[in-house]
Amino acid sequence: MQQDTADFTRGRIFLPLLKFSLPILMALALQTAYGAVDLWMVGKFATSADVSAVSTGSQLMQSITSIIAGLTMGATVLLGQTLGEGRKEEAGPVIGSGICLFAAMAALLTGLTLLGAGGLATVTQAPAAAFSQTVSYIRICAGGLVFITAYNVFGSIFRGLGDSKTPLLTVFIACIVNIIGDYILVRVFGLGALGAAIATVAAQGVSVAVSLLVVRRRGLPFPFSRKHLRFRGGHVGRIFRLGAPIALQDGLVSVSFLVILAIVNSLGLTASAGMGVAEKLCGFIMLVPSAFMQSMSAFVAQNVGAGRLDRAGKALGRGILASLSFGLVIGCFAFFRGILLTGFFTPDAAVAAAGADYLRAYAVDCLLTSFLFPFIGYFNGRGRTAFVMLQGIVGAFGVRIPVSFLMSRITPVSLFLVGLATPCSSLVQIALCGAYFFYLHRRSKQETA
């Protein structure tokens, strides 16, 4: 039985885009859920120090994961464009080269993270009461980086094929494993942040095993064998050229959030734990725009390969409208009822209040990312990843870090004001994306005139 694929280069736009986006949305929701389960279990059955450790450690690991995911997006775009051009015989070498590239990268990142765990915890100003737990969390998760990398590689292959259902299956199984592992290790054995880290790594390993089984059973819609598993300079170079700017942009954006994390950690254990709770909730708030960003990349890449820029532009408009309709509802609830959400994760009233204060800023950003994330997916699909990197750097270092630092100097310190750095950055990035979109549109019309 062959792997299911989708052709986005003909027929209707909105329904196929929505159909493709929904499994991605559900997969992201489950992925966010098993990260949130870690924090919920630790918040209910461990200490505030464990909550802070999971918050800081998971944010650091998310930064590393974002670099991996950015690079694998290069494989998604290249595979999508290759299939859109009708060159199925080149798909196998593309995937084989990508696997070799990411295997080498996983080994390098694992070694660096294991050796530098203590330094990373120090740089992020992990509170003294949570320092040892933070270091242990980082080291255990670093041991699972090979699984994180493999999961993202499989995801890039499936999305490039237009298949968003298989990643949903793998992350669903991983979520179940993580919940069971958290209950046993955190609730029963009382291992706190250490148990949450072990459960997370185990869940990622299971997701990779399931992905391998799916590929072996269903096969791929193009020839692929062991002979394709080697470095090919041309393919590795194109994957790197497409993915490296995305990875650098995602990495630098994550660094900017780590700077904000360090600022908040310096305010004490309550603020640190509160931000950790809010960050997990933010993952849910940003689910819809994130799903459209990923689906937009694959949808646009196929149409670019087929020379259908008109369809790519129409898909962008529909993605923004769909994302905004969800963003209005979710953002309003998070802004006005955030305390109900943060209180679910911790019985500590002070931590819940701090988290709700920070969450209100993200509620504002939820509306803005309904525009920004589909734009980013569109430019990724068109291969304009250098621009994606540029606008991300401007937002992170030109706006987000300076604004958060200035807000943290206002007395009394408000996590809401510190969090407003994020929507301020999004506004600037949207302006840059809009200007670049119209520039490309005008240039395309001139070239076809």
Protein backbone atom coordinates (compact mmCIF):
# COMPACT_ATOMS: atom_id res chain seq x y z
CA MET A 1 0.00 0.00 0.00
CA GLN A 2 1.48 3.32 -1.04
CA GLN A 3 1.75 6.51 0.96
CA ASP A 4 -1.16 8.94 0.49
CA THR A 5 -0.27 12.17 -1.31
CA ALA A 6 -2.13 15.36 -2.20
CA ASP A 7 -1.89 17.49 -5.35
CA PHE A 8 -2.43 21.16 -4.42
CA THR A 9 -1.81 22.55 -7.92
CA ARG A 10 -5.35 22.24 -9.27
CA GLY A 11 -8.98 22.45 -8.22
CA ARG A 12 -10.35 24.36 -5.25
CA ILE A 13 -8.08 26.13 -2.80
CA PHE A 14 -9.72 26.71 0.57
CA LEU A 15 -11.18 23.27 1.28
CA PRO A 16 -8.00 21.33 0.37
CA LEU A 17 -5.94 23.82 2.39
CA LEU A 18 -8.28 23.49 5.36
CA LYS A 19 -8.38 19.70 5.05
CA PHE A 20 -4.59 19.61 5.01
CA SER A 21 -4.31 22.08 7.90
CA LEU A 22 -6.68 20.31 10.31
CA PRO A 23 -4.49 17.23 10.92
CA ILE A 24 -1.50 19.56 11.36
CA LEU A 25 -3.53 21.58 13.86
CA MET A 26 -4.51 18.45 15.76
CA ALA A 27 -0.91 17.17 15.72
CA LEU A 28 0.36 20.51 17.05
CA ALA A 29 -2.36 20.45 19.70
CA LEU A 30 -1.28 17.00 20.85
CA GLN A 31 2.38 18.01 20.74
CA THR A 32 1.59 21.05 22.88
CA ALA A 33 -0.60 18.93 25.13
CA TYR A 34 2.10 16.48 26.09
CA GLY A 35 4.39 19.39 26.93
CA ALA A 36 1.57 20.89 29.00
CA VAL A 37 0.94 17.55 30.72
CA ASP A 38 4.53 17.66 31.99
CA LEU A 39 3.91 21.03 33.59
CA TRP A 40 0.47 20.07 34.91
CA MET A 41 1.77 16.90 36.57
CA VAL A 42 4.74 18.73 38.06
CA GLY A 43 2.54 21.63 39.17
CA LYS A 44 0.10 19.31 40.93
CA PHE A 45 2.45 16.74 42.41
CA ALA A 46 5.83 18.48 42.82
CA THR A 47 7.21 21.87 43.88
CA SER A 48 7.42 25.35 42.37
CA ALA A 49 11.13 24.68 41.85
CA ASP A 50 10.22 21.70 39.63
CA VAL A 51 7.74 23.88 37.72
CA SER A 52 10.46 26.48 37.15
CA ALA A 53 12.91 23.76 36.04
CA VAL A 54 10.47 22.33 33.49
CA SER A 55 9.64 25.86 32.30
CA THR A 56 13.27 26.90 31.78
CA GLY A 57 14.49 23.52 30.54
CA SER A 58 11.66 23.04 28.05
CA GLN A 59 12.13 26.57 26.70
CA LEU A 60 15.81 25.82 26.09
CA MET A 61 15.00 22.53 24.38
CA GLN A 62 12.33 24.26 22.31
CA SER A 63 15.00 26.66 21.06
CA ILE A 64 17.14 23.74 19.91
CA THR A 65 14.13 21.99 18.39
CA SER A 66 13.19 25.14 16.46
CA ILE A 67 16.59 25.10 14.76
CA ILE A 68 16.10 21.46 13.75
CA ALA A 69 12.54 22.12 12.55
CA GLY A 70 13.70 25.12 10.53
CA LEU A 71 16.30 23.09 8.68
CA THR A 72 13.84 20.28 7.97
CA MET A 73 11.50 22.85 6.45
CA GLY A 74 14.12 23.14 3.71
CA ALA A 75 13.51 19.46 2.93
CA THR A 76 9.73 20.03 2.93
CA VAL A 77 10.01 22.90 0.46
CA LEU A 78 12.52 21.15 -1.81
CA LEU A 79 10.48 17.93 -1.87
CA GLY A 80 7.25 19.84 -2.53
CA GLN A 81 8.81 21.82 -5.39
CA THR A 82 10.36 18.66 -6.85
CA LEU A 83 7.00 16.85 -6.86
CA GLY A 84 5.22 19.97 -8.17
CA GLU A 85 7.63 19.97 -11.12
CA GLY A 86 6.74 16.31 -11.78
CA ARG A 87 10.28 14.99 -11.09
CA LYS A 88 9.49 12.03 -8.84
CA GLU A 89 12.76 10.33 -9.68
CA GLU A 90 14.62 13.08 -7.80
CA ALA A 91 12.55 12.72 -4.63
CA GLY A 92 14.47 9.70 -3.30
CA PRO A 93 17.88 11.39 -3.51
CA VAL A 94 16.44 14.51 -1.87
CA ILE A 95 15.17 12.49 1.11
CA GLY A 96 18.33 10.40 1.38
CA SER A 97 20.57 13.46 1.42
CA GLY A 98 18.34 15.10 4.01
CA ILE A 99 18.49 12.09 6.34
CA CYS A 100 22.31 12.10 6.23
CA LEU A 101 22.46 15.83 6.89
CA PHE A 102 20.12 15.68 9.88
CA ALA A 103 21.80 12.60 11.37
CA ALA A 104 25.09 14.47 11.51
CA MET A 105 23.39 17.52 12.98
CA ALA A 106 21.65 15.46 15.69
CA ALA A 107 24.96 13.99 16.84
CA LEU A 108 26.57 17.43 17.03
CA LEU A 109 23.70 19.06 18.94
CA THR A 110 23.45 16.16 21.39
CA GLY A 111 27.12 16.44 22.34
CA LEU A 112 27.05 20.21 22.69
CA THR A 113 23.89 20.23 24.80
CA LEU A 114 25.06 17.48 27.15
CA LEU A 115 28.35 19.26 27.75
CA GLY A 116 26.82 22.72 28.08
CA ALA A 117 23.74 21.98 30.22
CA GLY A 118 25.08 23.79 33.27
CA GLY A 119 26.14 26.81 31.26
CA LEU A 120 22.74 27.01 29.57
CA ALA A 121 20.96 26.96 32.93
CA THR A 122 23.28 29.73 34.16
CA VAL A 123 22.76 31.92 31.09
CA THR A 124 18.97 31.75 31.50
CA GLN A 125 19.36 32.67 35.18
CA ALA A 126 17.54 29.60 36.41
CA PRO A 127 16.57 30.36 40.04
CA ALA A 128 18.98 28.89 42.60
CA ALA A 129 16.23 26.76 44.12
CA ALA A 130 15.58 25.14 40.71
CA PHE A 131 19.11 25.10 39.25
CA SER A 132 20.00 21.42 39.75
CA GLN A 133 16.59 20.26 38.50
CA THR A 134 16.96 22.47 35.42
CA VAL A 135 20.39 21.02 34.55
CA SER A 136 19.11 17.45 34.96
CA TYR A 137 16.06 18.19 32.79
CA ILE A 138 18.23 19.63 30.00
CA ARG A 139 20.68 16.70 30.03
CA ILE A 140 17.97 14.05 29.88
CA CYS A 141 16.17 15.81 27.04
CA ALA A 142 19.47 16.27 25.20
CA GLY A 143 19.79 12.49 25.15
CA GLY A 144 16.54 12.43 23.17
CA LEU A 145 17.64 14.92 20.51
CA VAL A 146 18.14 12.08 18.04
CA PHE A 147 14.43 11.29 18.36
CA ILE A 148 13.45 14.97 18.04
CA THR A 149 15.51 15.23 14.84
CA ALA A 150 14.14 12.00 13.38
CA TYR A 151 10.56 13.04 14.17
CA ASN A 152 11.04 16.36 12.35
CA VAL A 153 12.64 14.62 9.35
CA PHE A 154 9.67 12.28 9.04
CA GLY A 155 7.32 15.24 9.41
CA SER A 156 9.09 17.13 6.63
CA ILE A 157 8.75 14.14 4.30
CA PHE A 158 5.05 13.62 5.04
CA ARG A 159 4.21 17.35 4.66
CA GLY A 160 6.18 17.57 1.41
CA LEU A 161 4.03 14.70 0.12
CA GLY A 162 0.86 16.54 1.14
CA ASP A 163 0.22 14.00 3.92
CA SER A 164 -0.63 15.64 7.25
CA LYS A 165 -2.47 12.64 8.75
CA THR A 166 0.51 10.41 9.50
CA PRO A 167 2.27 12.98 11.74
CA LEU A 168 -1.03 13.27 13.62
CA LEU A 169 -1.04 9.51 14.25
CA THR A 170 2.54 9.47 15.53
CA VAL A 171 2.12 12.43 17.87
CA PHE A 172 -1.17 11.01 19.21
CA ILE A 173 0.60 7.81 20.24
CA ALA A 174 3.48 9.83 21.70
CA CYS A 175 1.03 11.91 23.73
CA ILE A 176 -0.52 8.79 25.28
CA VAL A 177 2.93 7.42 26.15
CA ASN A 178 3.95 10.74 27.70
CA ILE A 179 0.80 10.99 29.84
CA ILE A 180 1.30 7.45 31.16
CA GLY A 181 4.99 8.10 31.77
CA ASP A 182 4.29 11.39 33.58
CA TYR A 183 1.74 9.76 35.86
CA ILE A 184 4.05 6.89 36.80
CA LEU A 185 7.27 8.90 37.17
CA VAL A 186 5.93 12.17 38.60
CA ARG A 187 2.81 11.11 40.50
CA VAL A 188 3.75 7.61 41.66
CA PHE A 189 7.53 7.79 42.04
CA GLY A 190 7.72 11.51 42.83
CA LEU A 191 10.60 12.27 40.45
CA GLY A 192 9.38 15.80 39.63
CA ALA A 193 11.14 17.53 36.71
CA LEU A 194 13.43 14.51 36.27
CA GLY A 195 10.45 12.22 35.68
CA ALA A 196 8.85 14.67 33.24
CA ALA A 197 12.04 14.72 31.17
CA ILE A 198 12.30 10.92 31.05
CA ALA A 199 8.65 10.61 29.98
CA THR A 200 9.15 13.19 27.23
CA VAL A 201 12.17 11.40 25.75
CA ALA A 202 10.39 8.03 25.86
CA ALA A 203 7.36 9.49 24.05
CA GLN A 204 9.55 10.95 21.31
CA GLY A 205 11.27 7.63 20.81
CA VAL A 206 7.95 5.86 20.40
CA SER A 207 6.78 8.44 17.81
CA VAL A 208 9.87 7.78 15.69
CA ALA A 209 9.34 4.00 15.89
CA VAL A 210 5.72 4.42 14.74
CA SER A 211 6.85 6.63 11.82
CA LEU A 212 9.31 3.96 10.69
CA LEU A 213 6.62 1.29 10.82
CA VAL A 214 4.24 3.44 8.77
CA VAL A 215 6.84 4.06 6.07
CA ARG A 216 7.78 0.37 5.90
CA ARG A 217 4.14 -0.70 5.60
CA ARG A 218 2.82 1.94 3.21
CA GLY A 219 5.91 2.71 1.19
CA LEU A 220 6.55 5.96 -0.64
CA PRO A 221 5.13 7.25 -3.94
CA PHE A 222 8.63 7.33 -5.46
CA PRO A 223 11.64 4.97 -5.54
CA PHE A 224 13.62 4.97 -2.29
CA SER A 225 16.23 2.52 -0.98
CA ARG A 226 19.44 2.39 1.03
CA LYS A 227 21.46 3.51 -1.98
CA HIS A 228 19.80 6.93 -1.65
CA LEU A 229 21.20 7.35 1.88
CA ARG A 230 24.30 9.36 1.09
CA PHE A 231 25.39 12.96 0.94
CA ARG A 232 24.74 14.56 -2.44
CA GLY A 233 26.27 18.00 -2.60
CA GLY A 234 23.57 19.52 -4.77
CA HIS A 235 20.64 18.32 -2.69
CA VAL A 236 22.30 18.96 0.67
CA GLY A 237 23.23 22.43 -0.53
CA ARG A 238 19.68 23.26 -1.63
CA ILE A 239 18.16 21.89 1.59
CA PHE A 240 20.64 23.94 3.58
CA ARG A 241 20.09 27.10 1.51
CA LEU A 242 16.34 26.80 1.95
CA GLY A 243 16.35 25.61 5.55
CA ALA A 244 19.31 27.44 7.10
CA PRO A 245 17.70 30.91 6.98
CA ILE A 246 14.52 29.48 8.55
CA ALA A 247 16.57 27.67 11.19
CA LEU A 248 18.63 30.78 11.93
CA GLN A 249 15.50 32.91 12.14
CA ASP A 250 13.73 30.42 14.41
CA GLY A 251 16.85 30.03 16.50
CA LEU A 252 17.33 33.76 16.95
CA VAL A 253 13.65 34.24 17.76
CA SER A 254 14.00 31.52 20.39
CA VAL A 255 17.08 33.28 21.75
CA SER A 256 15.03 36.45 22.11
CA PHE A 257 12.46 34.52 24.15
CA LEU A 258 15.28 33.07 26.25
CA VAL A 259 16.41 36.63 26.96
CA ILE A 260 12.88 37.44 28.13
CA LEU A 261 12.95 34.23 30.17
CA ALA A 262 16.20 35.34 31.81
CA ILE A 263 14.66 38.74 32.61
CA VAL A 264 11.61 37.09 34.19
CA ASN A 265 13.72 34.47 36.03
CA SER A 266 15.66 37.30 37.65
CA LEU A 267 12.37 38.49 39.22
CA GLY A 268 12.11 35.37 41.38
CA LEU A 269 10.61 31.89 41.56
CA THR A 270 6.94 33.00 41.39
CA ALA A 271 7.45 35.06 38.22
CA SER A 272 9.54 32.27 36.67
CA ALA A 273 6.92 29.60 37.41
CA GLY A 274 4.10 31.92 36.27
CA MET A 275 5.76 32.55 32.94
CA GLY A 276 6.32 28.81 32.54
CA VAL A 277 2.61 28.15 32.98
CA ALA A 278 1.72 30.97 30.55
CA GLU A 279 4.19 29.74 27.93
CA LYS A 280 2.56 26.30 27.88
CA LEU A 281 -0.83 27.95 27.40
CA CYS A 282 0.61 30.17 24.67
CA GLY A 283 1.38 27.02 22.74
CA PHE A 284 -2.36 26.30 22.59
CA ILE A 285 -3.24 29.90 21.76
CA MET A 286 -0.90 29.90 18.76
CA LEU A 287 -2.04 26.52 17.41
CA VAL A 288 -4.22 27.74 14.54
CA PRO A 289 -1.78 30.25 13.01
CA SER A 290 1.06 27.74 13.48
CA ALA A 291 -0.93 25.07 11.63
CA PHE A 292 -1.61 27.42 8.72
CA MET A 293 2.07 28.40 8.62
CA GLN A 294 3.15 24.77 8.15
CA SER A 295 0.38 23.86 5.71
CA MET A 296 0.94 27.05 3.73
CA SER A 297 4.59 26.13 3.15
CA ALA A 298 3.72 22.77 1.58
CA PHE A 299 0.72 24.14 -0.37
CA VAL A 300 2.67 27.06 -1.81
CA ALA A 301 5.78 24.97 -2.57
CA GLN A 302 3.84 22.63 -4.85
CA ASN A 303 2.22 25.53 -6.68
CA VAL A 304 5.54 27.31 -7.10
CA GLY A 305 6.98 24.12 -8.61
CA ALA A 306 4.00 24.03 -11.00
CA GLY A 307 4.32 27.74 -11.85
CA ARG A 308 0.97 28.63 -10.21
CA LEU A 309 1.81 31.77 -8.22
CA ASP A 310 -1.79 32.96 -8.54
CA ARG A 311 -3.03 29.99 -6.52
CA ALA A 312 -0.29 30.54 -3.95
CA GLY A 313 -1.43 34.13 -3.39
CA LYS A 314 -5.08 33.14 -3.06
CA ALA A 315 -4.15 30.45 -0.53
CA LEU A 316 -2.40 33.09 1.58
CA GLY A 317 -5.54 35.25 1.75
CA ARG A 318 -7.75 32.35 2.71
CA GLY A 319 -5.28 31.15 5.32
CA ILE A 320 -5.20 34.57 6.98
CA LEU A 321 -8.99 34.84 7.11
CA ALA A 322 -9.42 31.35 8.58
CA SER A 323 -6.68 31.92 11.15
CA LEU A 324 -8.08 35.31 12.17
CA SER A 325 -11.58 33.94 12.74
CA PHE A 326 -10.19 31.50 15.30
CA GLY A 327 -7.76 34.04 16.72
CA LEU A 328 -10.50 36.50 17.68
CA VAL A 329 -12.32 33.94 19.80
CA ILE A 330 -9.25 32.40 21.45
CA GLY A 331 -7.55 35.75 22.04
CA CYS A 332 -10.58 37.30 23.75
CA PHE A 333 -10.98 34.33 26.08
CA ALA A 334 -7.29 34.31 27.04
CA PHE A 335 -7.30 38.07 27.68
CA PHE A 336 -10.40 38.21 29.88
CA ARG A 337 -10.41 34.72 31.44
CA GLY A 338 -6.72 33.86 31.61
CA ILE A 339 -6.81 33.15 35.34
CA LEU A 340 -9.14 30.19 34.69
CA LEU A 341 -6.52 28.72 32.38
CA THR A 342 -3.44 29.30 34.53
CA GLY A 343 -5.25 28.08 37.66
CA PHE A 344 -5.70 24.72 35.99
CA PHE A 345 -1.93 24.16 36.02
CA THR A 346 -1.06 25.21 39.54
CA PRO A 347 -2.78 25.48 42.93
CA ASP A 348 -0.45 28.37 43.85
CA ALA A 349 -2.60 31.53 43.53
CA ALA A 350 0.42 33.83 43.15
CA VAL A 351 1.90 31.74 40.33
CA ALA A 352 -1.50 31.54 38.59
CA ALA A 353 -1.95 35.33 38.81
CA ALA A 354 1.53 35.99 37.42
CA GLY A 355 0.89 33.59 34.56
CA ALA A 356 -2.47 35.20 33.72
CA ASP A 357 -0.82 38.64 33.65
CA TYR A 358 1.77 37.45 31.12
CA LEU A 359 -0.87 35.55 29.13
CA ARG A 360 -2.87 38.73 28.41
CA ALA A 361 -0.04 40.03 26.23
CA TYR A 362 -0.06 36.80 24.22
CA ALA A 363 -3.80 37.13 23.75
CA VAL A 364 -3.10 40.35 21.84
CA ASP A 365 -0.40 38.62 19.81
CA CYS A 366 -2.83 35.83 18.90
CA LEU A 367 -4.64 38.27 16.59
CA LEU A 368 -1.42 39.50 15.01
CA THR A 369 0.06 36.06 14.35
CA SER A 370 -3.10 35.25 12.37
CA PHE A 371 -1.51 37.50 9.75
CA LEU A 372 2.17 36.92 10.44
CA PHE A 373 2.38 33.11 10.50
CA PRO A 374 0.56 32.51 7.17
CA PHE A 375 2.84 35.17 5.62
CA ILE A 376 5.90 33.27 6.89
CA GLY A 377 4.54 29.98 5.55
CA TYR A 378 3.88 31.62 2.17
CA PHE A 379 7.42 32.99 1.86
CA ASN A 380 8.92 29.67 2.99
CA GLY A 381 6.94 27.89 0.28
CA ARG A 382 8.20 30.33 -2.32
CA GLY A 383 11.76 29.69 -1.21
CA ARG A 384 12.16 33.26 0.08
CA THR A 385 13.68 32.01 3.28
CA ALA A 386 16.36 34.71 3.43
CA PHE A 387 13.62 37.32 3.83
CA VAL A 388 11.94 35.18 6.50
CA MET A 389 15.24 35.19 8.37
CA LEU A 390 15.66 38.95 7.99
CA GLN A 391 12.22 39.90 9.25
CA GLY A 392 12.61 37.47 12.17
CA ILE A 393 15.92 39.04 13.19
CA VAL A 394 14.45 42.54 12.99
CA GLY A 395 11.50 41.48 15.14
CA ALA A 396 13.59 39.64 17.71
CA PHE A 397 16.56 41.93 18.18
CA GLY A 398 15.18 45.22 16.91
CA VAL A 399 11.92 45.09 18.87
CA ARG A 400 11.25 42.14 21.20
CA ILE A 401 14.42 42.19 23.32
CA PRO A 402 14.70 46.02 23.68
CA VAL A 403 11.00 46.43 24.51
CA SER A 404 10.98 43.61 27.07
CA PHE A 405 14.09 45.04 28.73
CA LEU A 406 12.60 48.53 28.92
CA MET A 407 9.31 47.21 30.29
CA SER A 408 11.15 45.23 32.96
CA ARG A 409 12.64 48.49 34.26
CA ILE A 410 9.21 50.00 34.97
CA THR A 411 8.33 49.77 38.68
CA PRO A 412 6.36 47.87 39.79
CA VAL A 413 7.29 45.21 37.25
CA SER A 414 4.30 43.86 35.28
CA LEU A 415 4.57 40.61 33.34
CA PHE A 416 1.85 41.97 31.05
CA LEU A 417 4.07 44.90 30.06
CA VAL A 418 7.08 42.63 29.61
CA GLY A 419 4.96 40.30 27.45
CA LEU A 420 3.81 43.19 25.23
CA ALA A 421 7.23 43.03 23.57
CA THR A 422 5.94 40.08 21.53
CA PRO A 423 2.92 41.78 19.87
CA CYS A 424 5.06 44.88 19.28
CA SER A 425 7.50 42.68 17.36
CA SER A 426 4.67 41.02 15.40
CA LEU A 427 3.35 44.41 14.24
CA VAL A 428 6.72 45.35 12.77
CA GLN A 429 7.13 41.94 11.12
CA ILE A 430 3.65 42.11 9.56
CA ALA A 431 4.51 45.48 8.03
CA LEU A 432 7.71 44.04 6.54
CA CYS A 433 5.89 40.96 5.20
CA GLY A 434 3.12 43.03 3.62
CA ALA A 435 5.61 45.32 1.90
CA TYR A 436 7.63 42.38 0.57
CA PHE A 437 4.52 40.55 -0.65
CA PHE A 438 3.42 43.53 -2.74
CA TYR A 439 6.97 43.99 -4.02
CA LEU A 440 7.05 40.38 -5.27
CA HIS A 441 3.55 40.69 -6.72
CA ARG A 442 4.46 43.83 -8.64
CA ARG A 443 7.68 42.32 -9.94
CA SER A 444 5.84 39.18 -11.13
CA LYS A 445 3.36 41.30 -13.08
CA GLN A 446 6.20 43.22 -14.70
CA GLU A 447 7.97 40.00 -15.72
CA THR A 448 4.83 38.55 -17.33
CA ALA A 449 3.84 41.80 -19.07
